[in-house]
Protein backbone atom coordinates (compact mmCIF):
# COMPACT_ATOMS: atom_id res chain seq x y z
CA MET A 1 -8.10 20.22 13.06
CA GLY A 2 -7.32 16.35 13.14
CA PHE A 3 -7.25 14.10 10.06
CA LYS A 4 -9.63 11.15 9.90
CA VAL A 5 -8.63 7.60 8.91
CA ARG A 6 -11.10 5.01 7.67
CA PRO A 7 -10.29 1.40 8.32
CA ALA A 8 -10.38 -0.67 5.34
CA GLY A 9 -13.73 -1.81 4.68
CA SER A 10 -16.77 -2.42 2.56
CA LEU A 11 -17.86 0.17 0.10
CA MET A 12 -21.11 0.49 1.62
CA THR A 13 -19.38 1.41 4.85
CA ILE A 14 -17.37 4.18 3.33
CA LEU A 15 -20.73 5.53 1.42
CA LEU A 16 -22.70 5.34 4.77
CA VAL A 17 -20.07 7.30 6.54
CA MET A 18 -19.88 9.92 3.95
CA SER A 19 -23.62 10.25 3.87
CA LEU A 20 -23.80 10.65 7.66
CA VAL A 21 -21.28 13.47 7.62
CA SER A 22 -22.28 15.08 4.42
CA GLY A 23 -24.15 17.94 6.02
CA SER A 24 -20.92 19.05 8.00
CA VAL A 25 -18.11 18.30 5.36
CA ALA A 26 -15.64 21.05 5.24
CA ALA A 27 -15.30 22.90 1.95
CA ARG A 28 -11.87 21.62 1.49
CA GLU A 29 -12.18 18.14 2.70
CA VAL A 30 -9.85 15.70 0.79
CA THR A 31 -10.55 12.02 0.76
CA VAL A 32 -7.33 9.90 0.08
CA SER A 33 -7.40 6.16 -0.76
CA ALA A 34 -4.03 4.85 -0.21
CA ALA A 35 -2.24 1.48 -0.42
CA ALA A 36 -1.73 -0.34 3.07
CA SER A 37 1.81 -0.03 3.07
CA LEU A 38 1.51 3.63 3.02
CA THR A 39 -0.32 3.83 6.38
CA GLU A 40 2.15 5.19 8.76
CA ALA A 41 3.82 7.64 6.12
CA PHE A 42 0.45 9.10 5.30
CA ASN A 43 -0.73 9.51 8.64
CA ASP A 44 2.22 11.85 9.18
CA ILE A 45 1.91 13.46 5.95
CA ALA A 46 -1.78 14.20 6.58
CA ARG A 47 -0.75 15.98 9.88
CA GLU A 48 1.90 17.94 8.08
CA TYR A 49 -0.34 18.92 5.07
CA GLN A 50 -2.98 20.03 7.65
CA ALA A 51 -0.45 22.13 9.39
CA GLU A 52 0.45 23.89 6.05
CA HIS A 53 -3.27 24.26 5.00
CA PRO A 54 -5.27 24.71 8.22
CA GLY A 55 -8.46 25.11 6.25
CA ASP A 56 -8.26 21.65 4.87
CA THR A 57 -9.12 18.12 6.35
CA VAL A 58 -7.61 14.97 5.13
CA VAL A 59 -9.68 11.63 5.26
CA LEU A 60 -7.60 8.42 4.86
CA ASN A 61 -8.80 5.22 3.70
CA PHE A 62 -6.23 2.37 3.64
CA ALA A 63 -6.44 -1.01 1.72
CA ALA A 64 -5.00 -3.39 -0.78
CA SER A 65 -4.63 -1.17 -3.83
CA GLY A 66 -6.91 -3.61 -5.89
CA VAL A 67 -9.60 -3.20 -3.17
CA LEU A 68 -9.22 0.57 -3.42
CA LEU A 69 -9.67 0.45 -7.05
CA GLN A 70 -12.75 -1.54 -6.84
CA GLN A 71 -14.23 0.89 -4.34
CA ILE A 72 -13.73 4.02 -6.74
CA ALA A 73 -14.98 2.07 -9.82
CA ALA A 74 -18.07 1.26 -7.83
CA GLY A 75 -18.57 5.15 -7.15
CA ALA A 76 -16.88 5.63 -3.61
CA PRO A 77 -16.45 9.41 -3.00
CA VAL A 78 -12.61 9.67 -3.39
CA ASP A 79 -10.31 12.51 -4.41
CA VAL A 80 -6.94 11.01 -4.39
CA PHE A 81 -5.81 7.58 -5.13
CA ALA A 82 -2.25 6.26 -4.20
CA SER A 83 -1.48 2.86 -5.45
CA ALA A 84 1.54 0.51 -4.50
CA ASP A 85 2.00 -0.43 -8.11
CA GLN A 86 1.63 0.79 -11.56
CA VAL A 87 -0.70 -2.09 -12.96
CA THR A 88 -3.43 -1.05 -10.57
CA MET A 89 -3.27 2.60 -11.60
CA ASP A 90 -3.00 1.48 -15.15
CA ARG A 91 -6.28 -0.18 -14.74
CA ALA A 92 -7.80 2.96 -13.23
CA GLN A 93 -6.55 4.94 -16.03
CA GLN A 94 -8.06 2.56 -18.57
CA LEU A 95 -11.40 2.78 -16.78
CA GLY A 96 -11.42 6.50 -16.94
CA LEU A 97 -11.21 6.90 -13.33
CA LEU A 98 -8.46 9.26 -13.24
CA ALA A 99 -8.26 13.10 -13.74
CA VAL A 100 -6.42 13.82 -17.04
CA ASP A 101 -2.58 14.65 -16.61
CA THR A 102 -2.55 14.20 -12.63
CA ARG A 103 -0.85 10.96 -12.34
CA VAL A 104 2.65 10.99 -11.02
CA ASP A 105 5.09 8.83 -9.36
CA PHE A 106 5.95 9.70 -5.70
CA ALA A 107 7.90 6.90 -3.96
CA SER A 108 9.60 3.50 -4.58
CA ASN A 109 10.12 0.44 -2.40
CA ALA A 110 11.80 -2.96 -2.16
CA LEU A 111 10.27 -6.47 -1.69
CA VAL A 112 11.91 -8.56 1.16
CA LEU A 113 11.49 -11.80 2.53
CA VAL A 114 10.91 -11.68 6.31
CA VAL A 115 10.98 -14.34 9.26
CA PRO A 116 10.18 -14.12 12.74
CA ILE A 117 12.85 -12.66 14.76
CA ASP A 118 13.82 -16.00 16.63
CA SER A 119 13.52 -18.17 13.44
CA THR A 120 16.17 -20.85 13.16
CA LEU A 121 15.69 -21.04 9.18
CA THR A 122 18.59 -20.12 7.01
CA LEU A 123 16.77 -18.59 4.00
CA THR A 124 19.02 -16.82 1.55
CA GLU A 125 17.34 -16.82 -1.71
CA LEU A 126 13.85 -17.68 -3.18
CA ALA A 127 15.05 -21.30 -3.92
CA SER A 128 15.31 -21.70 0.00
CA LEU A 129 11.57 -21.57 0.18
CA ALA A 130 11.14 -24.87 -1.58
CA GLY A 131 12.96 -26.52 1.23
CA GLU A 132 11.05 -29.04 3.46
CA ARG A 133 11.41 -26.87 6.51
CA VAL A 134 9.44 -24.20 5.25
CA THR A 135 5.77 -25.20 5.29
CA ARG A 136 3.96 -21.93 5.33
CA ILE A 137 4.54 -18.66 3.44
CA ALA A 138 2.50 -15.50 3.62
CA ILE A 139 1.88 -13.92 0.26
CA GLY A 140 -0.56 -11.32 -0.85
CA GLN A 141 -3.42 -12.30 -3.05
CA ALA A 142 -2.03 -11.50 -6.53
CA ASP A 143 -5.30 -10.31 -7.87
CA THR A 144 -5.60 -7.27 -5.54
CA VAL A 145 -2.40 -6.85 -3.57
CA PRO A 146 0.56 -5.52 -5.44
CA ALA A 147 3.05 -7.00 -3.06
CA GLY A 148 1.57 -10.47 -3.81
CA ARG A 149 1.75 -9.82 -7.59
CA TYR A 150 5.38 -8.80 -7.25
CA ALA A 151 6.01 -12.02 -5.21
CA ARG A 152 4.51 -14.31 -7.64
CA ARG A 153 6.52 -12.53 -10.39
CA ALA A 154 9.71 -13.13 -8.54
CA LEU A 155 9.07 -16.74 -7.67
CA GLU A 156 8.16 -17.48 -11.13
CA ALA A 157 11.27 -16.01 -12.38
CA ALA A 158 13.22 -17.96 -9.83
CA ARG A 159 11.52 -21.30 -11.17
CA VAL A 160 10.17 -22.10 -7.66
CA TRP A 161 6.44 -20.80 -7.95
CA ARG A 162 5.30 -24.69 -8.44
CA GLN A 163 6.86 -25.63 -5.22
CA VAL A 164 6.07 -22.79 -3.17
CA SER A 165 2.44 -22.03 -4.17
CA PRO A 166 0.97 -25.05 -2.29
CA LYS A 167 2.66 -23.43 1.04
CA ALA A 168 1.12 -20.05 0.28
CA VAL A 169 -1.07 -18.55 2.98
CA PRO A 170 -3.00 -15.78 1.06
CA ALA A 171 -3.33 -12.37 2.66
CA GLN A 172 -5.79 -9.61 1.98
CA ASN A 173 -3.06 -6.88 2.01
CA VAL A 174 0.65 -6.62 2.67
CA ARG A 175 0.15 -5.60 6.57
CA GLN A 176 -1.74 -9.01 6.93
CA ALA A 177 1.02 -10.83 5.48
CA LEU A 178 3.52 -9.03 7.88
CA ASP A 179 1.00 -9.78 10.86
CA TYR A 180 1.00 -13.55 10.10
CA VAL A 181 4.80 -13.79 10.40
CA ALA A 182 5.04 -11.31 13.39
CA ARG A 183 2.54 -13.64 15.18
CA ARG A 184 4.70 -16.86 14.01
CA GLU A 185 1.70 -18.34 12.14
CA VAL A 186 3.80 -18.76 9.09
CA ASP A 187 7.61 -19.53 8.48
CA ALA A 188 8.04 -16.28 6.32
CA ALA A 189 6.44 -13.60 4.43
CA LEU A 190 7.09 -11.54 1.28
CA VAL A 191 6.30 -7.92 2.18
CA TYR A 192 7.82 -4.58 1.38
CA LEU A 193 10.99 -3.30 3.19
CA THR A 194 9.06 -0.43 4.50
CA ASP A 195 6.70 -2.84 6.27
CA ALA A 196 9.46 -4.92 7.70
CA ALA A 197 10.74 -1.74 9.18
CA ILE A 198 7.76 -1.07 11.41
CA MET A 199 8.37 -4.40 13.42
CA PRO A 200 12.09 -4.73 14.03
CA GLU A 201 11.46 -6.29 17.37
CA ARG A 202 9.22 -9.19 15.86
CA VAL A 203 10.49 -9.77 12.46
CA THR A 204 13.92 -9.77 10.58
CA VAL A 205 14.65 -9.43 6.92
CA ALA A 206 16.32 -12.67 5.36
CA PHE A 207 16.89 -11.04 2.07
CA THR A 208 15.99 -8.50 -0.44
CA VAL A 209 13.96 -10.25 -3.31
CA PRO A 210 15.42 -9.56 -6.95
CA LEU A 211 12.91 -8.32 -9.37
CA ASP A 212 13.05 -7.25 -13.15
CA VAL A 213 10.74 -4.26 -12.49
CA ALA A 214 10.99 -1.30 -10.12
CA ILE A 215 8.40 -0.87 -7.28
CA ARG A 216 7.11 2.61 -7.89
CA TYR A 217 4.32 4.08 -6.29
CA PRO A 218 1.92 6.18 -8.51
CA VAL A 219 -0.73 8.98 -7.22
CA ALA A 220 -3.35 10.62 -9.10
CA VAL A 221 -6.54 12.77 -8.58
CA VAL A 222 -9.72 10.97 -9.14
CA ALA A 223 -11.86 12.17 -12.06
CA THR A 224 -15.00 12.44 -9.94
CA SER A 225 -13.45 14.40 -7.19
CA THR A 226 -15.57 17.17 -5.62
CA ALA A 227 -12.53 18.68 -4.12
CA SER A 228 -10.05 18.67 -6.99
CA ASP A 229 -8.15 21.69 -5.87
CA ALA A 230 -7.41 20.39 -2.53
CA ALA A 231 -6.64 16.95 -4.25
CA ARG A 232 -4.04 18.48 -6.48
CA THR A 233 -2.68 20.44 -3.41
CA PHE A 234 -2.09 17.28 -1.51
CA VAL A 235 -0.49 15.37 -4.50
CA ALA A 236 1.96 18.34 -4.81
CA PHE A 237 2.62 18.14 -1.20
CA LEU A 238 3.60 14.51 -1.44
CA ARG A 239 6.20 15.27 -4.06
CA SER A 240 7.56 18.32 -2.11
CA PRO A 241 10.82 18.26 -0.11
CA ARG A 242 8.76 17.91 2.98
CA GLY A 243 6.53 15.13 1.81
CA GLN A 244 9.50 13.31 0.55
CA ALA A 245 11.36 13.62 3.77
CA ILE A 246 8.50 12.02 5.61
CA LEU A 247 8.33 9.12 3.01
CA GLY A 248 12.04 8.78 3.45
CA LYS A 249 11.65 8.49 7.33
CA TYR A 250 9.60 5.26 6.78
CA GLY A 251 12.01 3.83 4.28
CA PHE A 252 10.60 4.91 1.12
CA ALA A 253 13.07 5.90 -1.69
CA PRO A 254 12.53 8.65 -4.19
CA PRO A 255 10.45 7.46 -7.33
């Protein structure tokens, strides 16, 4: 049985799709809303999970973590929520959207600065971004994109946010920021190390961005889940040796 992937879209689209298939939904269908940076890894994890649990179907929905939170808060039918940062999951918990005692960390990542593969710029630290030759930098929108929030935090700590912010090209999620630099529409982008790894022929990592906090990915079962048993099984699979091996293949480190 093949898993399903929902493109990042409006809440109404998600609700419409669910209503159309409600008459034929499998008894153990689990809907997973996951941060965009998890796309490739979770596609593989869904396949492996279903191989081990042939009676289950995994439905995947990818978007910026903040957008996913908004969808869940508005009533989207989600069973598992995987965020790219703790702040977003904290908000979900404060809103009472998570099933009690199901929140756990399952992976970690690093923030990097990437440039087009043929870039002639020499960028070795965040202060380099204040230089005149750098005119456009893709950064995720800090209110909904964890990578953007981490980026602003790092730039503020390096005391260059004031110089860099006018050059910022806002991205709706970290993959859009990556696409901007891959298409040479910007001089550089702040993305996760795992994102940079999926386009080695188009982008290169200039340096790893120093942060005073760890980038850890949390996951939890959603309180309103109608498939909580399958949701808990999926979360357990993420943290299993097999799940961790798949995440490691895509560059994620243990939590």
